Amino acid sequence: MQRLTKMTYVDLSAISLRPFKTSDADDFLLWAGDDQVTRNLRWKTCGSREEALAFIRDVCIPHPWRRSICLDNCSIGFVSVYRWSGDERCKADIGYAIGRSYWGRGIATKVLKIAVPEVFKDFPDLLRLQAFVDVDNKASQRVLDKVGFMREGVLRKYTYFKGVVMDFVLYSFLSTDEISPDD
């Protein structure tokens, strides 16, 4: 995975989503080994290539809807959907992260504009995608706004997250909603 400078242009048409492969371990470690990237994720920062490989093999590959975000087929992040079951099967949670050197380039927005329609296609009876965002993560909130997710409100003292009770903003996107057009 190439490291980018502030001025490096990213061709968003080179962004794709695909299932993880064990050969992604080195690229995966570059972003999943960064505390700044994983601070908003439920899983801990990867500390070695072996940890990255085990996580890909044991968590990413068997997951029903976890995709590698790729730039020119190199893994630079992930997008994942957790489908609820039983009476809650009409909804799913979506989460994502991108390597720090790719922040602020429109990649997350592009990824969600690709992923959201794919999720509703893959799960035809799904009615609602929802995202829970740390109230201080303004960048992720902007991404969801740009894609067309609706901000539903702040969930105060909602859950423990890495040992701290936190507030989260709840966003939703319904199967009947439309992706916002590109700027």
N, C-alpha and C. Protein backbone atom coordinates (compact mmCIF):
# COMPACT_ATOMS: atom_id res chain seq x y z
N MET A 1 0.86 -1.17 0.00
CA MET A 1 0.00 0.00 0.00
C MET A 1 0.90 1.22 0.00
N GLN A 2 0.62 2.14 -0.89
CA GLN A 2 1.41 3.36 -0.95
C GLN A 2 0.97 4.35 0.10
N ARG A 3 1.92 5.08 0.67
CA ARG A 3 1.62 6.15 1.60
C ARG A 3 1.39 7.41 0.78
N LEU A 4 0.39 8.18 1.15
CA LEU A 4 0.05 9.37 0.40
C LEU A 4 0.47 10.62 1.16
N THR A 5 0.81 11.64 0.41
CA THR A 5 1.06 12.95 1.00
C THR A 5 -0.24 13.74 0.92
N LYS A 6 -0.28 14.89 1.56
CA LYS A 6 -1.49 15.72 1.54
C LYS A 6 -1.89 16.08 0.12
N MET A 7 -0.95 16.18 -0.78
CA MET A 7 -1.24 16.66 -2.13
C MET A 7 -1.51 15.52 -3.12
N THR A 8 -1.32 14.28 -2.73
CA THR A 8 -1.52 13.17 -3.64
C THR A 8 -2.99 13.04 -4.01
N TYR A 9 -3.26 13.01 -5.31
CA TYR A 9 -4.62 12.86 -5.82
C TYR A 9 -5.00 11.39 -5.82
N VAL A 10 -6.21 11.09 -5.41
CA VAL A 10 -6.72 9.72 -5.45
C VAL A 10 -7.83 9.65 -6.49
N ASP A 11 -7.65 8.79 -7.48
CA ASP A 11 -8.68 8.57 -8.49
C ASP A 11 -9.76 7.68 -7.87
N LEU A 12 -10.90 8.28 -7.54
CA LEU A 12 -11.96 7.54 -6.85
C LEU A 12 -12.53 6.40 -7.70
N SER A 13 -12.32 6.45 -9.02
CA SER A 13 -12.79 5.34 -9.85
C SER A 13 -11.94 4.08 -9.64
N ALA A 14 -10.78 4.23 -8.98
CA ALA A 14 -9.91 3.08 -8.69
C ALA A 14 -10.28 2.40 -7.37
N ILE A 15 -11.31 2.91 -6.69
CA ILE A 15 -11.77 2.34 -5.43
C ILE A 15 -12.72 1.18 -5.72
N SER A 16 -12.53 0.06 -5.03
CA SER A 16 -13.42 -1.09 -5.19
C SER A 16 -13.60 -1.79 -3.84
N LEU A 17 -14.60 -2.64 -3.79
CA LEU A 17 -14.86 -3.47 -2.61
C LEU A 17 -14.76 -4.92 -3.03
N ARG A 18 -14.14 -5.72 -2.18
CA ARG A 18 -14.05 -7.16 -2.44
C ARG A 18 -13.87 -7.89 -1.12
N PRO A 19 -14.15 -9.19 -1.09
CA PRO A 19 -13.88 -9.96 0.13
C PRO A 19 -12.39 -9.91 0.48
N PHE A 20 -12.09 -10.02 1.76
CA PHE A 20 -10.70 -10.07 2.20
C PHE A 20 -10.04 -11.36 1.75
N LYS A 21 -8.71 -11.29 1.58
CA LYS A 21 -7.89 -12.46 1.27
C LYS A 21 -6.73 -12.47 2.27
N THR A 22 -6.19 -13.64 2.54
CA THR A 22 -5.06 -13.70 3.46
C THR A 22 -3.86 -12.92 2.92
N SER A 23 -3.78 -12.77 1.62
CA SER A 23 -2.68 -11.99 1.03
C SER A 23 -2.79 -10.49 1.32
N ASP A 24 -3.90 -10.06 1.95
CA ASP A 24 -4.06 -8.66 2.34
C ASP A 24 -3.34 -8.32 3.65
N ALA A 25 -2.73 -9.30 4.31
CA ALA A 25 -2.22 -9.11 5.67
C ALA A 25 -1.29 -7.90 5.81
N ASP A 26 -0.35 -7.73 4.91
CA ASP A 26 0.59 -6.61 5.04
C ASP A 26 -0.10 -5.26 4.89
N ASP A 27 -0.97 -5.14 3.88
CA ASP A 27 -1.72 -3.90 3.70
C ASP A 27 -2.66 -3.66 4.88
N PHE A 28 -3.32 -4.72 5.33
CA PHE A 28 -4.24 -4.65 6.47
C PHE A 28 -3.52 -4.11 7.71
N LEU A 29 -2.33 -4.61 7.96
CA LEU A 29 -1.57 -4.19 9.14
C LEU A 29 -1.23 -2.71 9.10
N LEU A 30 -1.03 -2.15 7.92
CA LEU A 30 -0.70 -0.72 7.82
C LEU A 30 -1.80 0.16 8.39
N TRP A 31 -3.05 -0.18 8.14
CA TRP A 31 -4.12 0.65 8.69
C TRP A 31 -4.70 0.08 9.98
N ALA A 32 -4.83 -1.24 10.11
CA ALA A 32 -5.39 -1.84 11.32
C ALA A 32 -4.38 -1.83 12.47
N GLY A 33 -3.14 -1.50 12.18
CA GLY A 33 -2.11 -1.36 13.20
C GLY A 33 -1.94 0.08 13.67
N ASP A 34 -2.83 0.96 13.24
CA ASP A 34 -2.76 2.39 13.57
C ASP A 34 -3.84 2.72 14.61
N ASP A 35 -3.40 3.13 15.80
CA ASP A 35 -4.35 3.45 16.88
C ASP A 35 -5.34 4.54 16.48
N GLN A 36 -4.93 5.46 15.62
CA GLN A 36 -5.83 6.53 15.19
C GLN A 36 -6.97 5.98 14.33
N VAL A 37 -6.70 4.93 13.58
CA VAL A 37 -7.74 4.31 12.74
C VAL A 37 -8.66 3.44 13.60
N THR A 38 -8.10 2.69 14.51
CA THR A 38 -8.90 1.73 15.28
C THR A 38 -9.56 2.33 16.52
N ARG A 39 -9.31 3.59 16.80
CA ARG A 39 -9.89 4.19 18.03
C ARG A 39 -11.42 4.17 18.01
N ASN A 40 -12.04 4.18 16.82
CA ASN A 40 -13.50 4.15 16.72
C ASN A 40 -14.04 2.77 16.35
N LEU A 41 -13.20 1.75 16.44
CA LEU A 41 -13.62 0.38 16.12
C LEU A 41 -13.73 -0.45 17.39
N ARG A 42 -14.56 -1.45 17.36
CA ARG A 42 -14.74 -2.32 18.53
C ARG A 42 -13.54 -3.26 18.73
N TRP A 43 -12.75 -3.48 17.69
CA TRP A 43 -11.61 -4.38 17.84
C TRP A 43 -10.34 -3.60 18.10
N LYS A 44 -9.38 -4.31 18.69
CA LYS A 44 -8.14 -3.64 19.09
C LYS A 44 -7.19 -3.51 17.90
N THR A 45 -6.24 -2.63 18.06
CA THR A 45 -5.22 -2.41 17.05
C THR A 45 -4.39 -3.68 16.86
N CYS A 46 -4.14 -4.04 15.60
CA CYS A 46 -3.30 -5.21 15.30
C CYS A 46 -1.84 -4.84 15.56
N GLY A 47 -1.13 -5.74 16.24
CA GLY A 47 0.25 -5.44 16.59
C GLY A 47 1.30 -6.15 15.76
N SER A 48 0.88 -7.09 14.92
CA SER A 48 1.85 -7.84 14.12
C SER A 48 1.19 -8.39 12.87
N ARG A 49 2.03 -8.83 11.94
CA ARG A 49 1.52 -9.45 10.73
C ARG A 49 0.73 -10.72 11.07
N GLU A 50 1.20 -11.46 12.07
CA GLU A 50 0.52 -12.69 12.48
C GLU A 50 -0.88 -12.38 13.01
N GLU A 51 -1.00 -11.31 13.82
CA GLU A 51 -2.32 -10.90 14.32
C GLU A 51 -3.23 -10.49 13.17
N ALA A 52 -2.67 -9.74 12.22
CA ALA A 52 -3.46 -9.30 11.06
C ALA A 52 -3.94 -10.50 10.26
N LEU A 53 -3.05 -11.44 10.02
CA LEU A 53 -3.40 -12.65 9.27
C LEU A 53 -4.48 -13.46 9.99
N ALA A 54 -4.34 -13.61 11.30
CA ALA A 54 -5.34 -14.35 12.08
C ALA A 54 -6.69 -13.63 12.05
N PHE A 55 -6.68 -12.31 12.15
CA PHE A 55 -7.93 -11.56 12.12
C PHE A 55 -8.63 -11.71 10.77
N ILE A 56 -7.85 -11.61 9.70
CA ILE A 56 -8.42 -11.79 8.36
C ILE A 56 -9.00 -13.19 8.22
N ARG A 57 -8.23 -14.18 8.62
CA ARG A 57 -8.64 -15.59 8.47
C ARG A 57 -9.85 -15.93 9.36
N ASP A 58 -9.82 -15.47 10.62
CA ASP A 58 -10.82 -15.90 11.59
C ASP A 58 -12.04 -15.00 11.68
N VAL A 59 -11.90 -13.73 11.30
CA VAL A 59 -13.00 -12.77 11.44
C VAL A 59 -13.49 -12.26 10.09
N CYS A 60 -12.58 -11.74 9.29
CA CYS A 60 -12.99 -11.09 8.03
C CYS A 60 -13.54 -12.07 7.00
N ILE A 61 -12.79 -13.12 6.72
CA ILE A 61 -13.19 -14.04 5.66
C ILE A 61 -14.51 -14.75 5.98
N PRO A 62 -14.73 -15.25 7.21
CA PRO A 62 -16.01 -15.93 7.47
C PRO A 62 -17.20 -14.98 7.63
N HIS A 63 -16.95 -13.70 7.79
CA HIS A 63 -18.04 -12.74 8.02
C HIS A 63 -18.96 -12.68 6.80
N PRO A 64 -20.28 -12.68 7.00
CA PRO A 64 -21.20 -12.69 5.86
C PRO A 64 -21.14 -11.44 4.98
N TRP A 65 -20.77 -10.27 5.55
CA TRP A 65 -20.69 -9.06 4.71
C TRP A 65 -19.63 -8.11 5.26
N ARG A 66 -18.38 -8.49 5.07
CA ARG A 66 -17.25 -7.61 5.40
C ARG A 66 -16.40 -7.54 4.15
N ARG A 67 -16.15 -6.32 3.69
CA ARG A 67 -15.41 -6.12 2.45
C ARG A 67 -14.15 -5.31 2.69
N SER A 68 -13.14 -5.63 1.94
CA SER A 68 -11.92 -4.82 1.93
C SER A 68 -12.15 -3.64 0.99
N ILE A 69 -11.82 -2.46 1.47
CA ILE A 69 -11.83 -1.27 0.62
C ILE A 69 -10.48 -1.26 -0.08
N CYS A 70 -10.50 -1.29 -1.40
CA CYS A 70 -9.26 -1.41 -2.15
C CYS A 70 -9.03 -0.20 -3.04
N LEU A 71 -7.79 0.22 -3.10
CA LEU A 71 -7.33 1.20 -4.07
C LEU A 71 -6.32 0.47 -4.92
N ASP A 72 -6.62 0.32 -6.19
CA ASP A 72 -5.77 -0.47 -7.09
C ASP A 72 -5.48 -1.85 -6.50
N ASN A 73 -6.51 -2.47 -5.94
CA ASN A 73 -6.50 -3.82 -5.37
C ASN A 73 -5.65 -3.97 -4.10
N CYS A 74 -5.22 -2.85 -3.49
CA CYS A 74 -4.54 -2.89 -2.19
C CYS A 74 -5.54 -2.51 -1.11
N SER A 75 -5.58 -3.28 -0.04
CA SER A 75 -6.52 -3.02 1.06
C SER A 75 -6.12 -1.76 1.81
N ILE A 76 -7.05 -0.79 1.86
CA ILE A 76 -6.80 0.45 2.59
C ILE A 76 -7.83 0.67 3.69
N GLY A 77 -8.73 -0.30 3.89
CA GLY A 77 -9.75 -0.17 4.91
C GLY A 77 -10.79 -1.27 4.78
N PHE A 78 -11.90 -1.08 5.49
CA PHE A 78 -12.97 -2.09 5.43
C PHE A 78 -14.32 -1.41 5.56
N VAL A 79 -15.34 -2.11 5.10
CA VAL A 79 -16.73 -1.78 5.38
C VAL A 79 -17.41 -3.09 5.75
N SER A 80 -18.24 -3.04 6.78
CA SER A 80 -18.83 -4.25 7.32
C SER A 80 -20.28 -4.02 7.70
N VAL A 81 -21.09 -5.05 7.52
CA VAL A 81 -22.50 -4.98 7.89
C VAL A 81 -22.81 -6.13 8.83
N TYR A 82 -23.42 -5.80 9.96
CA TYR A 82 -23.89 -6.80 10.92
C TYR A 82 -25.40 -6.87 10.81
N ARG A 83 -25.91 -7.99 10.35
CA ARG A 83 -27.35 -8.20 10.17
C ARG A 83 -27.96 -8.70 11.46
N TRP A 84 -29.01 -8.04 11.93
CA TRP A 84 -29.73 -8.48 13.12
C TRP A 84 -30.58 -9.69 12.75
N SER A 85 -31.11 -10.38 13.76
CA SER A 85 -31.91 -11.58 13.50
C SER A 85 -33.22 -11.52 14.28
N GLY A 86 -34.05 -12.55 14.09
CA GLY A 86 -35.33 -12.63 14.78
C GLY A 86 -36.23 -11.47 14.40
N ASP A 87 -36.91 -10.90 15.38
CA ASP A 87 -37.83 -9.79 15.12
C ASP A 87 -37.10 -8.52 14.68
N GLU A 88 -35.78 -8.50 14.83
CA GLU A 88 -34.99 -7.32 14.46
C GLU A 88 -34.30 -7.51 13.10
N ARG A 89 -34.69 -8.55 12.37
CA ARG A 89 -34.02 -8.89 11.10
C ARG A 89 -34.21 -7.85 10.00
N CYS A 90 -35.08 -6.87 10.22
CA CYS A 90 -35.31 -5.83 9.22
C CYS A 90 -34.19 -4.80 9.20
N LYS A 91 -33.22 -4.90 10.13
CA LYS A 91 -32.18 -3.88 10.21
C LYS A 91 -30.79 -4.50 10.27
N ALA A 92 -29.81 -3.66 9.95
CA ALA A 92 -28.40 -4.05 10.02
C ALA A 92 -27.58 -2.82 10.39
N ASP A 93 -26.45 -3.07 11.04
CA ASP A 93 -25.52 -2.00 11.40
C ASP A 93 -24.39 -1.99 10.38
N ILE A 94 -23.96 -0.79 9.99
CA ILE A 94 -22.85 -0.66 9.06
C ILE A 94 -21.72 0.10 9.74
N GLY A 95 -20.50 -0.35 9.49
CA GLY A 95 -19.32 0.30 10.03
C GLY A 95 -18.22 0.30 8.98
N TYR A 96 -17.25 1.18 9.16
CA TYR A 96 -16.19 1.30 8.17
C TYR A 96 -14.99 2.01 8.79
N ALA A 97 -13.84 1.81 8.17
CA ALA A 97 -12.62 2.52 8.56
C ALA A 97 -11.69 2.53 7.35
N ILE A 98 -10.88 3.58 7.30
CA ILE A 98 -9.94 3.75 6.19
C ILE A 98 -8.60 4.18 6.78
N GLY A 99 -7.52 3.72 6.16
CA GLY A 99 -6.18 4.11 6.59
C GLY A 99 -6.03 5.62 6.67
N ARG A 100 -5.30 6.08 7.69
CA ARG A 100 -5.21 7.51 7.97
C ARG A 100 -4.68 8.33 6.79
N SER A 101 -3.76 7.80 6.03
CA SER A 101 -3.21 8.58 4.91
C SER A 101 -4.24 8.79 3.79
N TYR A 102 -5.41 8.15 3.91
CA TYR A 102 -6.47 8.29 2.91
C TYR A 102 -7.63 9.13 3.41
N TRP A 103 -7.55 9.63 4.63
CA TRP A 103 -8.63 10.45 5.19
C TRP A 103 -8.78 11.75 4.42
N GLY A 104 -10.00 12.24 4.34
CA GLY A 104 -10.26 13.56 3.76
C GLY A 104 -10.20 13.61 2.24
N ARG A 105 -10.30 12.48 1.58
CA ARG A 105 -10.18 12.43 0.12
C ARG A 105 -11.46 11.96 -0.57
N GLY A 106 -12.53 11.81 0.19
CA GLY A 106 -13.80 11.39 -0.39
C GLY A 106 -13.95 9.89 -0.54
N ILE A 107 -12.99 9.13 -0.04
CA ILE A 107 -13.02 7.69 -0.22
C ILE A 107 -14.15 7.04 0.56
N ALA A 108 -14.33 7.42 1.82
CA ALA A 108 -15.40 6.81 2.63
C ALA A 108 -16.76 7.09 2.02
N THR A 109 -16.96 8.30 1.53
CA THR A 109 -18.23 8.64 0.87
C THR A 109 -18.43 7.76 -0.36
N LYS A 110 -17.41 7.64 -1.18
CA LYS A 110 -17.48 6.80 -2.38
C LYS A 110 -17.78 5.35 -2.00
N VAL A 111 -17.11 4.85 -0.97
CA VAL A 111 -17.30 3.47 -0.54
C VAL A 111 -18.74 3.22 -0.10
N LEU A 112 -19.29 4.11 0.71
CA LEU A 112 -20.67 3.90 1.17
C LEU A 112 -21.66 4.02 0.02
N LYS A 113 -21.37 4.87 -0.95
CA LYS A 113 -22.26 4.97 -2.11
C LYS A 113 -22.24 3.69 -2.95
N ILE A 114 -21.14 2.95 -2.87
CA ILE A 114 -21.07 1.64 -3.53
C ILE A 114 -21.71 0.58 -2.63
N ALA A 115 -21.38 0.59 -1.34
CA ALA A 115 -21.77 -0.48 -0.43
C ALA A 115 -23.26 -0.52 -0.13
N VAL A 116 -23.87 0.64 0.11
CA VAL A 116 -25.27 0.66 0.54
C VAL A 116 -26.20 -0.04 -0.46
N PRO A 117 -26.15 0.29 -1.76
CA PRO A 117 -27.01 -0.45 -2.70
C PRO A 117 -26.68 -1.94 -2.76
N GLU A 118 -25.39 -2.29 -2.64
CA GLU A 118 -25.01 -3.71 -2.65
C GLU A 118 -25.62 -4.45 -1.47
N VAL A 119 -25.62 -3.82 -0.30
CA VAL A 119 -26.17 -4.46 0.90
C VAL A 119 -27.67 -4.72 0.72
N PHE A 120 -28.40 -3.72 0.22
CA PHE A 120 -29.84 -3.91 0.03
C PHE A 120 -30.12 -4.94 -1.07
N LYS A 121 -29.24 -5.06 -2.03
CA LYS A 121 -29.39 -6.08 -3.08
C LYS A 121 -29.10 -7.47 -2.50
N ASP A 122 -28.05 -7.57 -1.68
CA ASP A 122 -27.67 -8.86 -1.09
C ASP A 122 -28.66 -9.34 -0.03
N PHE A 123 -29.35 -8.40 0.62
CA PHE A 123 -30.34 -8.73 1.65
C PHE A 123 -31.67 -8.08 1.27
N PRO A 124 -32.42 -8.68 0.33
CA PRO A 124 -33.62 -8.04 -0.21
C PRO A 124 -34.71 -7.73 0.83
N ASP A 125 -34.74 -8.45 1.94
CA ASP A 125 -35.75 -8.17 2.96
C ASP A 125 -35.28 -7.17 4.02
N LEU A 126 -34.08 -6.65 3.86
CA LEU A 126 -33.55 -5.63 4.78
C LEU A 126 -34.24 -4.30 4.51
N LEU A 127 -34.69 -3.63 5.56
CA LEU A 127 -35.38 -2.35 5.43
C LEU A 127 -34.55 -1.17 5.89
N ARG A 128 -33.58 -1.41 6.78
CA ARG A 128 -32.89 -0.30 7.43
C ARG A 128 -31.42 -0.64 7.68
N LEU A 129 -30.55 0.29 7.27
CA LEU A 129 -29.14 0.26 7.65
C LEU A 129 -28.96 1.36 8.67
N GLN A 130 -28.19 1.09 9.72
CA GLN A 130 -27.96 2.13 10.71
C GLN A 130 -26.49 2.19 11.06
N ALA A 131 -26.05 3.39 11.43
CA ALA A 131 -24.67 3.61 11.83
C ALA A 131 -24.66 4.34 13.16
N PHE A 132 -23.80 3.91 14.05
CA PHE A 132 -23.60 4.54 15.35
C PHE A 132 -22.23 5.22 15.32
N VAL A 133 -22.21 6.54 15.52
CA VAL A 133 -20.97 7.31 15.37
C VAL A 133 -20.69 8.08 16.65
N ASP A 134 -19.47 8.00 17.12
CA ASP A 134 -19.03 8.79 18.27
C ASP A 134 -19.40 10.26 18.02
N VAL A 135 -19.99 10.92 19.02
CA VAL A 135 -20.41 12.31 18.84
C VAL A 135 -19.25 13.22 18.46
N ASP A 136 -18.02 12.83 18.78
CA ASP A 136 -16.86 13.65 18.45
C ASP A 136 -16.27 13.33 17.08
N ASN A 137 -16.77 12.30 16.41
CA ASN A 137 -16.24 11.91 15.10
C ASN A 137 -17.00 12.66 14.00
N LYS A 138 -16.68 13.94 13.86
CA LYS A 138 -17.38 14.80 12.91
C LYS A 138 -17.14 14.37 11.46
N ALA A 139 -15.96 13.86 11.17
CA ALA A 139 -15.66 13.44 9.79
C ALA A 139 -16.58 12.30 9.35
N SER A 140 -16.78 11.32 10.21
CA SER A 140 -17.67 10.21 9.86
C SER A 140 -19.12 10.68 9.75
N GLN A 141 -19.51 11.62 10.58
CA GLN A 141 -20.86 12.17 10.48
C GLN A 141 -21.05 12.88 9.13
N ARG A 142 -20.04 13.61 8.68
CA ARG A 142 -20.12 14.28 7.37
C ARG A 142 -20.26 13.25 6.24
N VAL A 143 -19.52 12.15 6.34
CA VAL A 143 -19.61 11.09 5.33
C VAL A 143 -21.05 10.59 5.23
N LEU A 144 -21.64 10.25 6.35
CA LEU A 144 -23.00 9.72 6.35
C LEU A 144 -24.00 10.75 5.82
N ASP A 145 -23.82 12.01 6.20
CA ASP A 145 -24.68 13.08 5.66
C ASP A 145 -24.57 13.16 4.14
N LYS A 146 -23.34 13.10 3.62
CA LYS A 146 -23.11 13.22 2.17
C LYS A 146 -23.73 12.05 1.40
N VAL A 147 -23.76 10.88 2.01
CA VAL A 147 -24.30 9.70 1.33
C VAL A 147 -25.83 9.73 1.30
N GLY A 148 -26.43 10.39 2.29
CA GLY A 148 -27.88 10.46 2.35
C GLY A 148 -28.49 9.79 3.57
N PHE A 149 -27.64 9.37 4.51
CA PHE A 149 -28.16 8.83 5.77
C PHE A 149 -28.85 9.95 6.53
N MET A 150 -29.87 9.60 7.30
CA MET A 150 -30.59 10.58 8.11
C MET A 150 -30.08 10.51 9.54
N ARG A 151 -29.74 11.67 10.06
CA ARG A 151 -29.34 11.77 11.47
C ARG A 151 -30.61 11.70 12.31
N GLU A 152 -30.70 10.68 13.15
CA GLU A 152 -31.91 10.48 13.95
C GLU A 152 -31.79 11.07 15.35
N GLY A 153 -30.59 11.22 15.84
CA GLY A 153 -30.43 11.81 17.16
C GLY A 153 -29.21 11.31 17.89
N VAL A 154 -29.01 11.85 19.09
CA VAL A 154 -27.89 11.47 19.93
C VAL A 154 -28.39 10.50 21.00
N LEU A 155 -27.69 9.40 21.11
CA LEU A 155 -27.97 8.39 22.14
C LEU A 155 -27.01 8.67 23.30
N ARG A 156 -27.52 9.31 24.34
CA ARG A 156 -26.68 9.74 25.44
C ARG A 156 -26.34 8.57 26.36
N LYS A 157 -25.06 8.52 26.75
CA LYS A 157 -24.56 7.44 27.62
C LYS A 157 -25.09 6.09 27.13
N TYR A 158 -24.89 5.85 25.84
CA TYR A 158 -25.53 4.72 25.16
C TYR A 158 -24.90 3.37 25.49
N THR A 159 -23.57 3.31 25.48
CA THR A 159 -22.93 2.01 25.68
C THR A 159 -21.49 2.19 26.12
N TYR A 160 -20.95 1.13 26.70
CA TYR A 160 -19.52 1.13 26.98
C TYR A 160 -18.78 0.90 25.67
N PHE A 161 -17.74 1.67 25.46
CA PHE A 161 -16.91 1.52 24.28
C PHE A 161 -15.47 1.62 24.74
N LYS A 162 -14.75 0.51 24.67
CA LYS A 162 -13.37 0.43 25.14
C LYS A 162 -13.25 0.94 26.57
N GLY A 163 -14.21 0.52 27.40
CA GLY A 163 -14.16 0.81 28.82
C GLY A 163 -14.76 2.13 29.27
N VAL A 164 -15.27 2.92 28.35
CA VAL A 164 -15.84 4.24 28.68
C VAL A 164 -17.28 4.29 28.18
N VAL A 165 -18.19 4.82 29.02
CA VAL A 165 -19.57 5.01 28.56
C VAL A 165 -19.58 6.23 27.64
N MET A 166 -20.15 6.05 26.44
CA MET A 166 -20.07 7.11 25.43
C MET A 166 -21.42 7.46 24.85
N ASP A 167 -21.49 8.68 24.31
CA ASP A 167 -22.63 9.14 23.53
C ASP A 167 -22.37 8.82 22.06
N PHE A 168 -23.41 8.42 21.35
CA PHE A 168 -23.31 8.13 19.93
C PHE A 168 -24.41 8.84 19.17
N VAL A 169 -24.11 9.21 17.93
CA VAL A 169 -25.12 9.74 17.02
C VAL A 169 -25.63 8.55 16.21
N LEU A 170 -26.95 8.45 16.10
CA LEU A 170 -27.56 7.37 15.33
C LEU A 170 -27.98 7.91 13.97
N TYR A 171 -27.53 7.24 12.92
CA TYR A 171 -27.90 7.55 11.54
C TYR A 171 -28.62 6.34 10.95
N SER A 172 -29.53 6.60 10.00
CA SER A 172 -30.20 5.49 9.32
C SER A 172 -30.33 5.77 7.83
N PHE A 173 -30.42 4.69 7.08
CA PHE A 173 -30.68 4.74 5.64
C PHE A 173 -31.67 3.62 5.38
N LEU A 174 -32.83 3.96 4.82
CA LEU A 174 -33.87 2.97 4.54
C LEU A 174 -33.75 2.44 3.12
N SER A 175 -34.28 1.28 2.90
CA SER A 175 -34.23 0.68 1.56
C SER A 175 -34.94 1.54 0.53
N THR A 176 -35.84 2.40 0.97
CA THR A 176 -36.58 3.30 0.06
C THR A 176 -35.88 4.64 -0.13
N ASP A 177 -34.82 4.90 0.62
CA ASP A 177 -34.07 6.16 0.48
C ASP A 177 -33.21 6.12 -0.77
N GLU A 178 -32.79 7.29 -1.20
CA GLU A 178 -31.91 7.38 -2.37
C GLU A 178 -30.56 7.91 -1.97
N ILE A 179 -29.52 7.35 -2.59
CA ILE A 179 -28.16 7.84 -2.38
C ILE A 179 -28.09 9.27 -2.88
N SER A 180 -27.45 10.15 -2.12
CA SER A 180 -27.28 11.53 -2.56
C SER A 180 -26.39 11.57 -3.79
N PRO A 181 -26.71 12.46 -4.74
CA PRO A 181 -25.88 12.55 -5.94
C PRO A 181 -24.49 13.08 -5.59
N ASP A 182 -23.52 12.76 -6.45
CA ASP A 182 -22.16 13.27 -6.25
C ASP A 182 -22.16 14.78 -6.37
N ASP A 183 -21.27 15.39 -5.59
CA ASP A 183 -21.17 16.86 -5.62
C ASP A 183 -20.60 17.35 -6.94
